[in-house]
Amino acid sequence: MRGRVVAFVLCAACLVAACGGSSTKDSQTSGGKKYVDALVANYNKGKASGATSVQYTDKQIRCLSSSIVDAITVDTLQKNGITPAKAGGGVGIDKLGKKLSQATRTKLGKAFLDGSCYDATTELAKEFQASMGTQPAGAAKCMAKEVIAIPAFQQFIGDTTVGINAGTPFQGSVKKALQPAFTKCHVDQSKIGA
């Protein structure tokens, strides 16, 4: 499971090599648009080289890039030396780590999971299906629907995106937060990763 979810998150990190945002929609400012363009270009580079498993459309990736910029803020990016020119090559937001507050990292995770740019439930269900072993029919889709709304899972996605080694969502405090979803979706946890 870790490999598939990490692939989902690495796709996110590939996309997110730079970002910014605020309540005034940083992504719509001239500076914010440069970060959005850099994120889109970085994702397209990864997509062309086969480095991403999630195939977003141009509209989806632009929307997601805007949400990422709005979650982090242009000011935060600039204060941390992240320019649009440095967006790729592992010097972007994947290096921000705990320089971002827990709230900002959770907001970043929500940007990937809220469904406003693409069908996150379907994408996550594909990842779960491939890594949860033999489970009852519909368990992966059920889990995807459930975990998207769990703050601990949102933070896991945000943490992994900014380079915090969050491990797997099926361990520690995240696993504890997911227990009601495992029960509701009839997931046999002993088969995860099998």
C-alpha atoms as a PDB file:
ATOM      1  CA  MET A   1       0.000   0.000   0.000  1.00  0.00           C
ATOM      2  CA  ARG A   2       2.778   2.399   0.885  1.00  0.00           C
ATOM      3  CA  GLY A   3       4.182   2.155  -2.641  1.00  0.00           C
ATOM      4  CA  ARG A   4       0.920   3.022  -4.363  1.00  0.00           C
ATOM      5  CA  VAL A   5      -0.041   5.856  -2.018  1.00  0.00           C
ATOM      6  CA  VAL A   6       3.518   7.144  -2.174  1.00  0.00           C
ATOM      7  CA  ALA A   7       3.250   7.064  -5.987  1.00  0.00           C
ATOM      8  CA  PHE A   8       0.098   9.192  -5.684  1.00  0.00           C
ATOM      9  CA  VAL A   9       1.914  11.584  -3.370  1.00  0.00           C
ATOM     10  CA  LEU A  10       5.085  11.611  -5.471  1.00  0.00           C
ATOM     11  CA  CYS A  11       2.946  12.616  -8.399  1.00  0.00           C
ATOM     12  CA  ALA A  12       1.745  15.411  -6.171  1.00  0.00           C
ATOM     13  CA  ALA A  13       5.329  16.294  -5.247  1.00  0.00           C
ATOM     14  CA  CYS A  14       6.366  16.177  -8.899  1.00  0.00           C
ATOM     15  CA  LEU A  15       3.628  18.664  -9.619  1.00  0.00           C
ATOM     16  CA  VAL A  16       4.366  20.744  -6.585  1.00  0.00           C
ATOM     17  CA  ALA A  17       8.003  21.625  -6.993  1.00  0.00           C
ATOM     18  CA  ALA A  18       6.882  25.235  -6.268  1.00  0.00           C
ATOM     19  CA  CYS A  19       3.697  26.917  -4.854  1.00  0.00           C
ATOM     20  CA  GLY A  20       1.866  29.837  -3.094  1.00  0.00           C
ATOM     21  CA  GLY A  21      -1.589  31.195  -2.023  1.00  0.00           C
ATOM     22  CA  SER A  22      -3.967  33.089   0.324  1.00  0.00           C
ATOM     23  CA  SER A  23      -7.549  34.161   0.815  1.00  0.00           C
ATOM     24  CA  THR A  24      -6.961  36.737  -1.927  1.00  0.00           C
ATOM     25  CA  LYS A  25      -6.069  33.940  -4.335  1.00  0.00           C
ATOM     26  CA  ASP A  26      -2.331  34.276  -4.764  1.00  0.00           C
ATOM     27  CA  SER A  27      -2.629  32.050  -7.819  1.00  0.00           C
ATOM     28  CA  GLN A  28      -4.399  34.888  -9.632  1.00  0.00           C
ATOM     29  CA  THR A  29      -1.691  37.498  -8.999  1.00  0.00           C
ATOM     30  CA  SER A  30       1.084  38.052 -11.537  1.00  0.00           C
ATOM     31  CA  GLY A  31       3.613  36.410  -9.185  1.00  0.00           C
ATOM     32  CA  GLY A  32       1.249  33.560  -8.373  1.00  0.00           C
ATOM     33  CA  LYS A  33       0.589  32.867 -12.045  1.00  0.00           C
ATOM     34  CA  LYS A  34       4.342  32.360 -12.541  1.00  0.00           C
ATOM     35  CA  TYR A  35       4.351  29.678  -9.816  1.00  0.00           C
ATOM     36  CA  VAL A  36       1.256  28.043 -11.309  1.00  0.00           C
ATOM     37  CA  ASP A  37       2.908  27.995 -14.743  1.00  0.00           C
ATOM     38  CA  ALA A  38       6.095  26.524 -13.213  1.00  0.00           C
ATOM     39  CA  LEU A  39       4.106  23.773 -11.457  1.00  0.00           C
ATOM     40  CA  VAL A  40       2.234  22.922 -14.633  1.00  0.00           C
ATOM     41  CA  ALA A  41       5.483  22.814 -16.617  1.00  0.00           C
ATOM     42  CA  ASN A  42       7.143  20.620 -13.960  1.00  0.00           C
ATOM     43  CA  TYR A  43       4.212  18.195 -13.937  1.00  0.00           C
ATOM     44  CA  ASN A  44       4.168  18.040 -17.758  1.00  0.00           C
ATOM     45  CA  LYS A  45       7.905  17.309 -17.761  1.00  0.00           C
ATOM     46  CA  GLY A  46       7.350  14.435 -15.314  1.00  0.00           C
ATOM     47  CA  LYS A  47       4.364  13.194 -17.281  1.00  0.00           C
ATOM     48  CA  ALA A  48       6.347  13.189 -20.540  1.00  0.00           C
ATOM     49  CA  SER A  49       9.166  11.195 -18.938  1.00  0.00           C
ATOM     50  CA  GLY A  50       6.761   8.686 -17.370  1.00  0.00           C
ATOM     51  CA  ALA A  51       7.642   9.810 -13.829  1.00  0.00           C
ATOM     52  CA  THR A  52       4.012  10.145 -12.743  1.00  0.00           C
ATOM     53  CA  SER A  53       1.283   7.553 -12.414  1.00  0.00           C
ATOM     54  CA  VAL A  54      -1.612  10.034 -12.229  1.00  0.00           C
ATOM     55  CA  GLN A  55      -2.496  11.433 -15.641  1.00  0.00           C
ATOM     56  CA  TYR A  56      -4.147  14.804 -15.053  1.00  0.00           C
ATOM     57  CA  THR A  57      -5.599  16.771 -17.964  1.00  0.00           C
ATOM     58  CA  ASP A  58      -4.226  20.251 -18.654  1.00  0.00           C
ATOM     59  CA  LYS A  59      -7.303  21.807 -17.021  1.00  0.00           C
ATOM     60  CA  GLN A  60      -6.980  19.573 -13.944  1.00  0.00           C
ATOM     61  CA  ILE A  61      -3.272  20.239 -13.456  1.00  0.00           C
ATOM     62  CA  ARG A  62      -3.706  23.990 -13.840  1.00  0.00           C
ATOM     63  CA  CYS A  63      -6.547  23.941 -11.303  1.00  0.00           C
ATOM     64  CA  LEU A  64      -4.542  21.815  -8.872  1.00  0.00           C
ATOM     65  CA  SER A  65      -1.456  23.998  -9.304  1.00  0.00           C
ATOM     66  CA  SER A  66      -3.562  27.063  -8.501  1.00  0.00           C
ATOM     67  CA  SER A  67      -4.925  25.357  -5.374  1.00  0.00           C
ATOM     68  CA  ILE A  68      -1.391  24.499  -4.273  1.00  0.00           C
ATOM     69  CA  VAL A  69      -0.224  28.075  -4.753  1.00  0.00           C
ATOM     70  CA  ASP A  70      -3.245  29.295  -2.798  1.00  0.00           C
ATOM     71  CA  ALA A  71      -2.534  26.814   0.035  1.00  0.00           C
ATOM     72  CA  ILE A  72       1.097  27.813   0.576  1.00  0.00           C
ATOM     73  CA  THR A  73       1.193  31.505  -0.499  1.00  0.00           C
ATOM     74  CA  VAL A  74       3.629  33.317  -2.732  1.00  0.00           C
ATOM     75  CA  ASP A  75       5.049  35.104   0.309  1.00  0.00           C
ATOM     76  CA  THR A  76       5.948  31.791   1.984  1.00  0.00           C
ATOM     77  CA  LEU A  77       7.588  30.526  -1.183  1.00  0.00           C
ATOM     78  CA  GLN A  78       9.622  33.668  -1.614  1.00  0.00           C
ATOM     79  CA  LYS A  79      10.668  33.765   2.065  1.00  0.00           C
ATOM     80  CA  ASN A  80      12.005  30.229   1.622  1.00  0.00           C
ATOM     81  CA  GLY A  81      13.965  31.026  -1.544  1.00  0.00           C
ATOM     82  CA  ILE A  82      11.624  29.147  -3.868  1.00  0.00           C
ATOM     83  CA  THR A  83      11.276  30.989  -7.145  1.00  0.00           C
ATOM     84  CA  PRO A  84       9.416  29.845 -10.247  1.00  0.00           C
ATOM     85  CA  ALA A  85      12.830  29.318 -11.869  1.00  0.00           C
ATOM     86  CA  LYS A  86      13.698  26.848  -9.064  1.00  0.00           C
ATOM     87  CA  ALA A  87      10.360  25.055  -9.289  1.00  0.00           C
ATOM     88  CA  GLY A  88      11.790  21.761 -10.534  1.00  0.00           C
ATOM     89  CA  GLY A  89      14.745  19.629  -9.620  1.00  0.00           C
ATOM     90  CA  GLY A  90      13.899  18.947  -5.994  1.00  0.00           C
ATOM     91  CA  VAL A  91      14.334  22.505  -4.712  1.00  0.00           C
ATOM     92  CA  GLY A  92      10.662  23.364  -4.542  1.00  0.00           C
ATOM     93  CA  ILE A  93       8.038  22.791  -1.898  1.00  0.00           C
ATOM     94  CA  ASP A  94       9.247  19.246  -1.396  1.00  0.00           C
ATOM     95  CA  LYS A  95      11.992  20.869   0.713  1.00  0.00           C
ATOM     96  CA  LEU A  96       9.720  23.064   2.872  1.00  0.00           C
ATOM     97  CA  GLY A  97       8.936  20.337   5.383  1.00  0.00           C
ATOM     98  CA  LYS A  98       8.095  21.621   8.839  1.00  0.00           C
ATOM     99  CA  LYS A  99       8.751  25.211   7.806  1.00  0.00           C
ATOM    100  CA  LEU A 100       5.056  25.072   6.954  1.00  0.00           C
ATOM    101  CA  SER A 101       2.579  24.947   9.812  1.00  0.00           C
ATOM    102  CA  GLN A 102       0.526  21.830  10.383  1.00  0.00           C
ATOM    103  CA  ALA A 103      -2.551  23.796   9.274  1.00  0.00           C
ATOM    104  CA  THR A 104      -0.869  24.780   6.005  1.00  0.00           C
ATOM    105  CA  ARG A 105       0.260  21.213   5.349  1.00  0.00           C
ATOM    106  CA  THR A 106      -3.294  19.971   5.975  1.00  0.00           C
ATOM    107  CA  LYS A 107      -4.640  22.681   3.650  1.00  0.00           C
ATOM    108  CA  LEU A 108      -2.163  21.516   1.023  1.00  0.00           C
ATOM    109  CA  GLY A 109      -3.388  17.931   1.448  1.00  0.00           C
ATOM    110  CA  LYS A 110      -6.970  19.135   1.041  1.00  0.00           C
ATOM    111  CA  ALA A 111      -5.998  20.765  -2.260  1.00  0.00           C
ATOM    112  CA  PHE A 112      -5.256  17.291  -3.597  1.00  0.00           C
ATOM    113  CA  LEU A 113      -8.296  15.631  -2.049  1.00  0.00           C
ATOM    114  CA  ASP A 114     -11.220  18.062  -2.149  1.00  0.00           C
ATOM    115  CA  GLY A 115     -12.394  17.038  -5.621  1.00  0.00           C
ATOM    116  CA  SER A 116     -12.550  20.581  -6.997  1.00  0.00           C
ATOM    117  CA  CYS A 117      -9.950  19.915  -9.717  1.00  0.00           C
ATOM    118  CA  TYR A 118     -10.299  16.198 -10.468  1.00  0.00           C
ATOM    119  CA  ASP A 119     -12.056  13.103  -9.145  1.00  0.00           C
ATOM    120  CA  ALA A 120      -9.770  12.408  -6.189  1.00  0.00           C
ATOM    121  CA  THR A 121     -11.975   9.579  -4.954  1.00  0.00           C
ATOM    122  CA  THR A 122     -11.565   7.618  -8.187  1.00  0.00           C
ATOM    123  CA  GLU A 123      -7.795   8.213  -8.360  1.00  0.00           C
ATOM    124  CA  LEU A 124      -7.279   7.229  -4.735  1.00  0.00           C
ATOM    125  CA  ALA A 125      -9.545   4.189  -5.119  1.00  0.00           C
ATOM    126  CA  LYS A 126      -7.310   2.980  -7.984  1.00  0.00           C
ATOM    127  CA  GLU A 127      -4.258   3.321  -5.739  1.00  0.00           C
ATOM    128  CA  PHE A 128      -5.985   1.519  -2.865  1.00  0.00           C
ATOM    129  CA  GLN A 129      -7.301  -1.244  -5.138  1.00  0.00           C
ATOM    130  CA  ALA A 130      -3.793  -1.982  -6.337  1.00  0.00           C
ATOM    131  CA  SER A 131      -2.312  -2.180  -2.868  1.00  0.00           C
ATOM    132  CA  MET A 132      -4.964  -3.365  -0.417  1.00  0.00           C
ATOM    133  CA  GLY A 133      -4.775  -7.042  -1.360  1.00  0.00           C
ATOM    134  CA  THR A 134      -7.901  -9.136  -1.748  1.00  0.00           C
ATOM    135  CA  GLN A 135     -10.711  -7.145  -0.169  1.00  0.00           C
ATOM    136  CA  PRO A 136     -14.501  -7.175  -0.491  1.00  0.00           C
ATOM    137  CA  ALA A 137     -15.901  -5.631  -3.672  1.00  0.00           C
ATOM    138  CA  GLY A 138     -16.139  -1.868  -3.315  1.00  0.00           C
ATOM    139  CA  ALA A 139     -13.757  -1.650  -0.341  1.00  0.00           C
ATOM    140  CA  ALA A 140     -11.199   0.512  -2.179  1.00  0.00           C
ATOM    141  CA  LYS A 141     -13.823   3.009  -3.381  1.00  0.00           C
ATOM    142  CA  CYS A 142     -15.396   3.075   0.085  1.00  0.00           C
ATOM    143  CA  MET A 143     -11.999   3.725   1.698  1.00  0.00           C
ATOM    144  CA  ALA A 144     -11.226   6.498  -0.778  1.00  0.00           C
ATOM    145  CA  LYS A 145     -14.538   8.227  -0.039  1.00  0.00           C
ATOM    146  CA  GLU A 146     -13.971   7.951   3.686  1.00  0.00           C
ATOM    147  CA  VAL A 147     -10.294   8.953   3.998  1.00  0.00           C
ATOM    148  CA  ILE A 148     -10.593  12.087   1.877  1.00  0.00           C
ATOM    149  CA  ALA A 149     -12.522  13.749   4.707  1.00  0.00           C
ATOM    150  CA  ILE A 150     -10.184  12.675   7.521  1.00  0.00           C
ATOM    151  CA  PRO A 151      -7.858  15.525   8.635  1.00  0.00           C
ATOM    152  CA  ALA A 152      -5.064  13.089   9.597  1.00  0.00           C
ATOM    153  CA  PHE A 153      -5.067  11.690   6.055  1.00  0.00           C
ATOM    154  CA  GLN A 154      -5.166  15.190   4.566  1.00  0.00           C
ATOM    155  CA  GLN A 155      -2.144  16.085   6.663  1.00  0.00           C
ATOM    156  CA  PHE A 156      -0.409  12.849   5.615  1.00  0.00           C
ATOM    157  CA  ILE A 157      -0.773  13.907   1.955  1.00  0.00           C
ATOM    158  CA  GLY A 158       0.429  17.446   2.746  1.00  0.00           C
ATOM    159  CA  ASP A 159       3.357  16.199   4.859  1.00  0.00           C
ATOM    160  CA  THR A 160       4.526  13.783   2.199  1.00  0.00           C
ATOM    161  CA  THR A 161       4.231  16.472  -0.471  1.00  0.00           C
ATOM    162  CA  VAL A 162       6.535  18.852   1.429  1.00  0.00           C
ATOM    163  CA  GLY A 163       9.166  16.193   2.084  1.00  0.00           C
ATOM    164  CA  ILE A 164       8.241  15.048   5.578  1.00  0.00           C
ATOM    165  CA  ASN A 165       8.696  11.292   5.600  1.00  0.00           C
ATOM    166  CA  ALA A 166       5.153  10.483   6.633  1.00  0.00           C
ATOM    167  CA  GLY A 167       5.603   6.725   6.049  1.00  0.00           C
ATOM    168  CA  THR A 168       2.396   4.989   5.121  1.00  0.00           C
ATOM    169  CA  PRO A 169      -1.137   6.066   5.985  1.00  0.00           C
ATOM    170  CA  PHE A 170      -1.687   2.613   7.484  1.00  0.00           C
ATOM    171  CA  GLN A 171       0.554   3.091  10.521  1.00  0.00           C
ATOM    172  CA  GLY A 172       0.720   5.255  13.625  1.00  0.00           C
ATOM    173  CA  SER A 173      -1.706   8.067  14.304  1.00  0.00           C
ATOM    174  CA  VAL A 174      -3.015   8.103  10.732  1.00  0.00           C
ATOM    175  CA  LYS A 175      -3.920   4.417  10.952  1.00  0.00           C
ATOM    176  CA  LYS A 176      -5.733   5.100  14.219  1.00  0.00           C
ATOM    177  CA  ALA A 177      -7.700   7.903  12.547  1.00  0.00           C
ATOM    178  CA  LEU A 178      -8.587   5.526   9.679  1.00  0.00           C
ATOM    179  CA  GLN A 179      -9.958   2.759  11.924  1.00  0.00           C
ATOM    180  CA  PRO A 180     -13.618   3.807  11.518  1.00  0.00           C
ATOM    181  CA  ALA A 181     -13.153   3.747   7.711  1.00  0.00           C
ATOM    182  CA  PHE A 182     -11.581   0.271   7.842  1.00  0.00           C
ATOM    183  CA  THR A 183     -14.581  -0.942   9.824  1.00  0.00           C
ATOM    184  CA  LYS A 184     -17.190   0.792   7.668  1.00  0.00           C
ATOM    185  CA  CYS A 185     -15.581  -0.470   4.454  1.00  0.00           C
ATOM    186  CA  HIS A 186     -15.005  -4.031   5.744  1.00  0.00           C
ATOM    187  CA  VAL A 187     -11.257  -3.853   5.066  1.00  0.00           C
ATOM    188  CA  ASP A 188      -9.148  -6.758   6.307  1.00  0.00           C
ATOM    189  CA  GLN A 189      -6.048  -4.865   7.428  1.00  0.00           C
ATOM    190  CA  SER A 190      -3.937  -8.018   7.456  1.00  0.00           C
ATOM    191  CA  LYS A 191      -4.164  -8.088   3.648  1.00  0.00           C
ATOM    192  CA  ILE A 192      -2.955  -4.518   3.070  1.00  0.00           C
ATOM    193  CA  GLY A 193       0.268  -4.552   1.103  1.00  0.00           C
ATOM    194  CA  ALA A 194      -0.055  -8.298   0.433  1.00  0.00           C
END
